[in-house]
Amino acid sequence: MVSGENARRVVRGLVLACHAAPAAVVTGLAAALAAALGSGWGTVALITVAVGTGQLSVGWSNDWIDAPRDVAVGRTDKPVVAGLVTAATLRDAALAALAVCVIASLVLGVAPGVAHLVAVGGAWAYNARLKATVWSWLPYAMSFGLLAVFVVLAAPGPRVPAFWAVAAAALLGVGAHIANTLPDLEDDVATGVRGLPHRLGRRASGVIAPCVLVLAVTVVVTGPAGAPEPAAWTGGAVAACLALAAGAVAVTRPRSRAPFGLSMAVAALCVVLLALSATDIAV
């Protein structure tokens, strides 16, 4: 029988291993965009469950698959290394969350369901192999882009996402990927992980990440039909400043995780701008 103390330790480990902050941000942004597109509360709830469980499966699978590497470099901030939870428990939790994700996604329809499951599959492929290759950016681009496709296809009416909206989401994914890898570049290289940011180096990646994010913001502001509204220019300017701040922190504070947090803030502002132009992101 599992004692109360052990149960609390396992729960704490699961919470830490799921990468709760980015998972919550991605889930919340998907739900907000769905609501802006006119989806009913039932659809918004299903999208929240599908995206939320998908994000949980990705986070847990990441720490499960990375457990041997984390042990090798002494990553005591990781729950497996800290002894809070076992890799086997994370594996079981990841597979259970994935099962719920599959059901919730397909309930929304075959087309949106398949789009979302391919997005989640891309994230799993990143965890399993692609993070250590020059193609490490591709799952982020694909999965963020397909997340926008999923939300639009699940919305009422026979609509498809505008190309510029999918491109903006993909660019946000690539920028977030580069920013997210920067604090762990040396540890990753020591365990054989050499994704695109590792091959480019810290300084080049620290410059490229904000540039990609600013490009995404530019697409979001200028993509909708007609001249951008003042609110779009203002929101875009704030988002661009946050992106540049992420680059500055990445270069001056190599171990800081602030650049990833700032990239998530850029993504949140971009979703707000997308919501303001909801009639243009689905055609």
Protein backbone atom coordinates (compact mmCIF):
# COMPACT_ATOMS: atom_id res chain seq x y z
CA MET A 1 0.00 0.00 0.00
CA VAL A 2 1.24 3.48 -0.88
CA SER A 3 1.57 5.74 2.13
CA GLY A 4 0.16 9.24 2.17
CA GLU A 5 3.65 10.71 2.10
CA ASN A 6 4.67 8.59 -0.90
CA ALA A 7 1.46 9.50 -2.71
CA ARG A 8 2.10 13.18 -2.18
CA ARG A 9 5.67 12.72 -3.44
CA VAL A 10 4.42 11.01 -6.60
CA VAL A 11 1.79 13.70 -7.22
CA ARG A 12 4.42 16.39 -6.78
CA GLY A 13 6.68 14.55 -9.22
CA LEU A 14 3.89 14.27 -11.78
CA VAL A 15 3.13 17.98 -11.50
CA LEU A 16 6.78 18.92 -11.95
CA ALA A 17 7.28 16.49 -14.83
CA CYS A 18 4.27 17.66 -16.84
CA HIS A 19 5.86 21.10 -17.43
CA ALA A 20 2.72 22.65 -16.03
CA ALA A 21 3.31 26.29 -16.96
CA PRO A 22 3.77 25.89 -20.74
CA ALA A 23 1.12 23.14 -20.80
CA ALA A 24 -1.38 25.47 -19.14
CA VAL A 25 -0.48 28.35 -21.46
CA VAL A 26 -0.88 26.29 -24.64
CA THR A 27 -4.15 24.79 -23.41
CA GLY A 28 -5.54 28.15 -22.34
CA LEU A 29 -4.58 29.82 -25.61
CA ALA A 30 -6.23 27.06 -27.64
CA ALA A 31 -9.43 27.39 -25.59
CA ALA A 32 -9.42 31.18 -25.90
CA LEU A 33 -8.95 31.04 -29.66
CA ALA A 34 -11.75 28.48 -29.96
CA ALA A 35 -14.10 30.77 -28.03
CA ALA A 36 -13.12 33.74 -30.22
CA LEU A 37 -13.99 31.70 -33.30
CA GLY A 38 -17.53 31.20 -32.01
CA SER A 39 -17.24 27.62 -30.77
CA GLY A 40 -19.88 26.62 -28.22
CA TRP A 41 -18.96 25.86 -24.64
CA GLY A 42 -19.17 22.12 -25.30
CA THR A 43 -16.64 22.39 -28.10
CA VAL A 44 -14.39 24.69 -26.07
CA ALA A 45 -14.50 22.18 -23.20
CA LEU A 46 -13.57 19.29 -25.50
CA ILE A 47 -10.74 21.31 -27.04
CA THR A 48 -9.48 22.10 -23.54
CA VAL A 49 -9.53 18.43 -22.56
CA ALA A 50 -7.90 17.31 -25.83
CA VAL A 51 -5.14 19.92 -25.76
CA GLY A 52 -4.64 19.65 -22.00
CA THR A 53 -4.22 15.88 -21.98
CA GLY A 54 -2.07 16.07 -25.09
CA GLN A 55 0.22 18.53 -23.35
CA LEU A 56 0.34 16.33 -20.25
CA SER A 57 1.32 13.34 -22.38
CA VAL A 58 4.08 15.35 -24.05
CA GLY A 59 5.48 16.66 -20.77
CA TRP A 60 5.42 13.30 -19.02
CA SER A 61 6.89 11.48 -22.03
CA ASN A 62 9.68 14.05 -22.17
CA ASP A 63 10.82 13.39 -18.60
CA TRP A 64 10.29 9.65 -18.99
CA ILE A 65 12.42 9.42 -22.14
CA ASP A 66 15.03 11.87 -20.83
CA ALA A 67 15.41 10.17 -17.44
CA PRO A 68 18.71 8.40 -18.27
CA ARG A 69 20.20 11.65 -19.63
CA ASP A 70 19.00 13.62 -16.61
CA VAL A 71 20.58 11.09 -14.25
CA ALA A 72 23.84 11.20 -16.22
CA VAL A 73 24.24 14.97 -15.83
CA GLY A 74 22.79 15.17 -12.31
CA ARG A 75 19.68 17.22 -13.14
CA THR A 76 18.35 17.30 -9.58
CA ASP A 77 15.65 19.74 -10.70
CA LYS A 78 14.07 16.82 -12.56
CA PRO A 79 11.59 14.75 -10.49
CA VAL A 80 13.03 11.37 -11.54
CA VAL A 81 16.55 12.37 -10.45
CA ALA A 82 15.14 13.91 -7.26
CA GLY A 83 13.47 10.59 -6.42
CA LEU A 84 9.92 11.94 -6.50
CA VAL A 85 8.65 9.64 -9.23
CA THR A 86 9.94 6.78 -11.35
CA ALA A 87 10.37 6.76 -15.11
CA ALA A 88 7.88 3.87 -15.28
CA THR A 89 5.24 5.95 -13.52
CA LEU A 90 5.79 8.79 -15.99
CA ARG A 91 5.49 6.33 -18.87
CA ASP A 92 2.16 5.02 -17.59
CA ALA A 93 0.85 8.54 -16.96
CA ALA A 94 1.92 9.70 -20.43
CA LEU A 95 0.17 6.79 -22.14
CA ALA A 96 -2.99 7.28 -20.08
CA ALA A 97 -3.11 11.00 -20.92
CA LEU A 98 -2.52 10.18 -24.58
CA ALA A 99 -5.47 7.77 -24.58
CA VAL A 100 -7.79 10.49 -23.26
CA CYS A 101 -6.35 12.93 -25.81
CA VAL A 102 -7.13 10.55 -28.67
CA ILE A 103 -10.74 10.12 -27.59
CA ALA A 104 -11.40 13.83 -26.95
CA SER A 105 -9.75 14.87 -30.22
CA LEU A 106 -11.72 12.44 -32.40
CA VAL A 107 -15.03 13.30 -30.71
CA LEU A 108 -14.60 16.75 -32.27
CA GLY A 109 -14.52 15.19 -35.73
CA VAL A 110 -12.18 13.16 -37.88
CA ALA A 111 -10.45 16.09 -39.61
CA PRO A 112 -9.78 18.22 -36.51
CA GLY A 113 -9.03 15.10 -34.48
CA VAL A 114 -6.42 13.83 -36.92
CA ALA A 115 -4.85 17.31 -37.15
CA HIS A 116 -4.45 17.47 -33.39
CA LEU A 117 -3.17 13.92 -33.04
CA VAL A 118 -0.54 14.53 -35.71
CA ALA A 119 0.49 17.65 -33.75
CA VAL A 120 0.81 15.61 -30.54
CA GLY A 121 2.62 12.87 -32.45
CA GLY A 122 5.13 15.43 -33.67
CA ALA A 123 5.83 16.47 -30.09
CA TRP A 124 6.34 12.84 -29.08
CA ALA A 125 8.69 12.38 -32.06
CA TYR A 126 10.67 15.38 -30.80
CA ASN A 127 10.99 13.81 -27.36
CA ALA A 128 11.93 10.40 -28.72
CA ARG A 129 14.44 11.31 -31.40
CA LEU A 130 14.19 14.57 -33.33
CA LYS A 131 15.39 16.79 -30.46
CA ALA A 132 18.89 15.38 -31.05
CA THR A 133 18.95 16.17 -34.78
CA VAL A 134 19.21 19.20 -37.02
CA TRP A 135 15.44 18.81 -37.55
CA SER A 136 14.64 19.62 -33.92
CA TRP A 137 12.74 22.75 -35.00
CA LEU A 138 10.37 20.86 -37.32
CA PRO A 139 8.08 19.23 -34.71
CA TYR A 140 7.56 22.62 -33.04
CA ALA A 141 6.71 24.30 -36.35
CA MET A 142 4.39 21.47 -37.36
CA SER A 143 2.70 21.02 -33.99
CA PHE A 144 2.04 24.72 -33.33
CA GLY A 145 0.78 25.19 -36.88
CA LEU A 146 -1.49 22.14 -36.65
CA LEU A 147 -2.83 23.32 -33.30
CA ALA A 148 -4.23 26.37 -35.10
CA VAL A 149 -5.64 24.08 -37.80
CA PHE A 150 -7.26 21.90 -35.14
CA VAL A 151 -9.00 24.78 -33.38
CA VAL A 152 -10.33 26.26 -36.64
CA LEU A 153 -11.56 22.92 -38.00
CA ALA A 154 -13.34 22.20 -34.70
CA ALA A 155 -15.14 25.58 -34.86
CA PRO A 156 -18.65 25.78 -36.33
CA GLY A 157 -19.05 25.96 -40.10
CA PRO A 158 -17.01 24.54 -42.99
CA ARG A 159 -13.97 26.76 -42.46
CA VAL A 160 -10.24 26.25 -42.88
CA PRO A 161 -7.47 28.35 -41.33
CA ALA A 162 -5.87 31.13 -43.33
CA PHE A 163 -2.32 30.31 -44.41
CA TRP A 164 -0.86 33.34 -42.64
CA ALA A 165 -2.38 32.27 -39.30
CA VAL A 166 -0.86 28.78 -39.59
CA ALA A 167 2.49 30.28 -40.61
CA ALA A 168 2.44 32.63 -37.61
CA ALA A 169 1.71 29.74 -35.23
CA ALA A 170 4.54 27.70 -36.76
CA LEU A 171 6.98 30.58 -36.35
CA LEU A 172 5.95 31.00 -32.72
CA GLY A 173 6.68 27.32 -32.21
CA VAL A 174 10.16 27.58 -33.70
CA GLY A 175 10.99 30.65 -31.62
CA ALA A 176 9.75 28.95 -28.46
CA HIS A 177 11.82 25.85 -29.25
CA ILE A 178 15.05 27.79 -29.58
CA ALA A 179 14.37 29.83 -26.44
CA ASN A 180 13.48 26.70 -24.47
CA THR A 181 16.74 24.90 -25.29
CA LEU A 182 19.12 27.72 -24.39
CA PRO A 183 19.46 27.10 -20.61
CA ASP A 184 20.36 23.43 -21.14
CA LEU A 185 22.68 23.59 -24.16
CA GLU A 186 25.77 22.30 -22.37
CA ASP A 187 23.93 19.52 -20.49
CA ASP A 188 22.22 18.44 -23.71
CA VAL A 189 25.47 18.28 -25.66
CA ALA A 190 27.08 16.25 -22.87
CA THR A 191 24.42 13.56 -23.32
CA GLY A 192 24.45 13.50 -27.11
CA VAL A 193 21.57 15.89 -27.84
CA ARG A 194 22.54 18.20 -30.70
CA GLY A 195 19.46 19.87 -32.09
CA LEU A 196 19.51 22.91 -34.35
CA PRO A 197 20.12 25.44 -31.52
CA HIS A 198 23.06 23.35 -30.26
CA ARG A 199 24.62 23.30 -33.72
CA LEU A 200 24.11 27.04 -34.18
CA GLY A 201 25.60 27.88 -30.77
CA ARG A 202 24.32 29.98 -27.90
CA ARG A 203 25.03 33.41 -29.36
CA ALA A 204 23.53 32.70 -32.78
CA SER A 205 20.50 30.99 -31.25
CA GLY A 206 20.05 33.88 -28.82
CA VAL A 207 19.81 36.22 -31.81
CA ILE A 208 17.69 33.96 -34.03
CA ALA A 209 15.03 33.21 -31.40
CA PRO A 210 13.81 36.82 -31.02
CA CYS A 211 14.06 37.38 -34.77
CA VAL A 212 11.75 34.44 -35.44
CA LEU A 213 9.34 35.63 -32.76
CA VAL A 214 9.30 39.17 -34.18
CA LEU A 215 8.61 37.70 -37.63
CA ALA A 216 5.66 35.79 -36.16
CA VAL A 217 4.32 38.97 -34.58
CA THR A 218 4.69 40.78 -37.92
CA VAL A 219 2.66 38.09 -39.68
CA VAL A 220 -0.07 38.26 -37.02
CA VAL A 221 -0.33 42.05 -37.30
CA THR A 222 -0.20 42.32 -41.09
CA GLY A 223 -1.88 39.04 -42.05
CA PRO A 224 -5.57 40.05 -41.71
CA ALA A 225 -7.22 41.85 -44.59
CA GLY A 226 -7.12 45.65 -44.55
CA ALA A 227 -4.91 48.03 -42.65
CA PRO A 228 -4.05 46.96 -39.07
CA GLU A 229 -6.07 48.63 -36.33
CA PRO A 230 -4.30 50.73 -33.66
CA ALA A 231 -4.85 47.91 -31.16
CA ALA A 232 -3.01 45.52 -33.48
CA TRP A 233 -0.05 47.90 -33.85
CA THR A 234 0.08 48.43 -30.08
CA GLY A 235 -0.17 44.75 -29.22
CA GLY A 236 2.35 43.89 -31.91
CA ALA A 237 4.81 46.47 -30.60
CA VAL A 238 4.53 45.10 -27.05
CA ALA A 239 4.97 41.53 -28.30
CA ALA A 240 8.01 42.52 -30.36
CA CYS A 241 9.58 44.21 -27.32
CA LEU A 242 9.02 41.04 -25.28
CA ALA A 243 10.67 39.00 -28.04
CA LEU A 244 13.70 41.30 -28.09
CA ALA A 245 13.89 41.12 -24.29
CA ALA A 246 13.97 37.32 -24.57
CA GLY A 247 16.96 37.58 -26.87
CA ALA A 248 18.76 40.01 -24.59
CA VAL A 249 18.27 37.78 -21.55
CA ALA A 250 19.36 34.70 -23.51
CA VAL A 251 22.67 36.32 -24.42
CA THR A 252 23.43 37.92 -21.04
CA ARG A 253 22.07 35.22 -18.70
CA PRO A 254 22.80 31.85 -20.32
CA ARG A 255 21.12 29.67 -17.69
CA SER A 256 17.99 31.77 -17.32
CA ARG A 257 14.65 30.26 -18.29
CA ALA A 258 13.13 33.70 -18.70
CA PRO A 259 13.49 33.67 -22.52
CA PHE A 260 11.07 30.75 -22.77
CA GLY A 261 8.62 32.49 -20.44
CA LEU A 262 8.88 35.64 -22.54
CA SER A 263 8.29 33.63 -25.71
CA MET A 264 5.11 32.24 -24.14
CA ALA A 265 4.04 35.80 -23.35
CA VAL A 266 4.63 36.70 -27.01
CA ALA A 267 2.46 33.75 -28.03
CA ALA A 268 -0.29 34.86 -25.63
CA LEU A 269 -0.32 38.37 -27.07
CA CYS A 270 -0.40 36.95 -30.59
CA VAL A 271 -3.45 34.84 -29.70
CA VAL A 272 -5.15 37.98 -28.36
CA LEU A 273 -4.44 39.70 -31.68
CA LEU A 274 -5.71 36.64 -33.55
CA ALA A 275 -8.89 36.71 -31.50
CA LEU A 276 -9.41 40.36 -32.45
CA SER A 277 -9.25 39.36 -36.11
CA ALA A 278 -11.08 36.04 -35.75
CA THR A 279 -13.09 36.61 -38.93
CA ASP A 280 -9.87 36.66 -40.96
CA ILE A 281 -8.08 33.62 -39.55
CA ALA A 282 -10.74 31.18 -40.79
CA VAL A 283 -11.96 31.25 -44.39
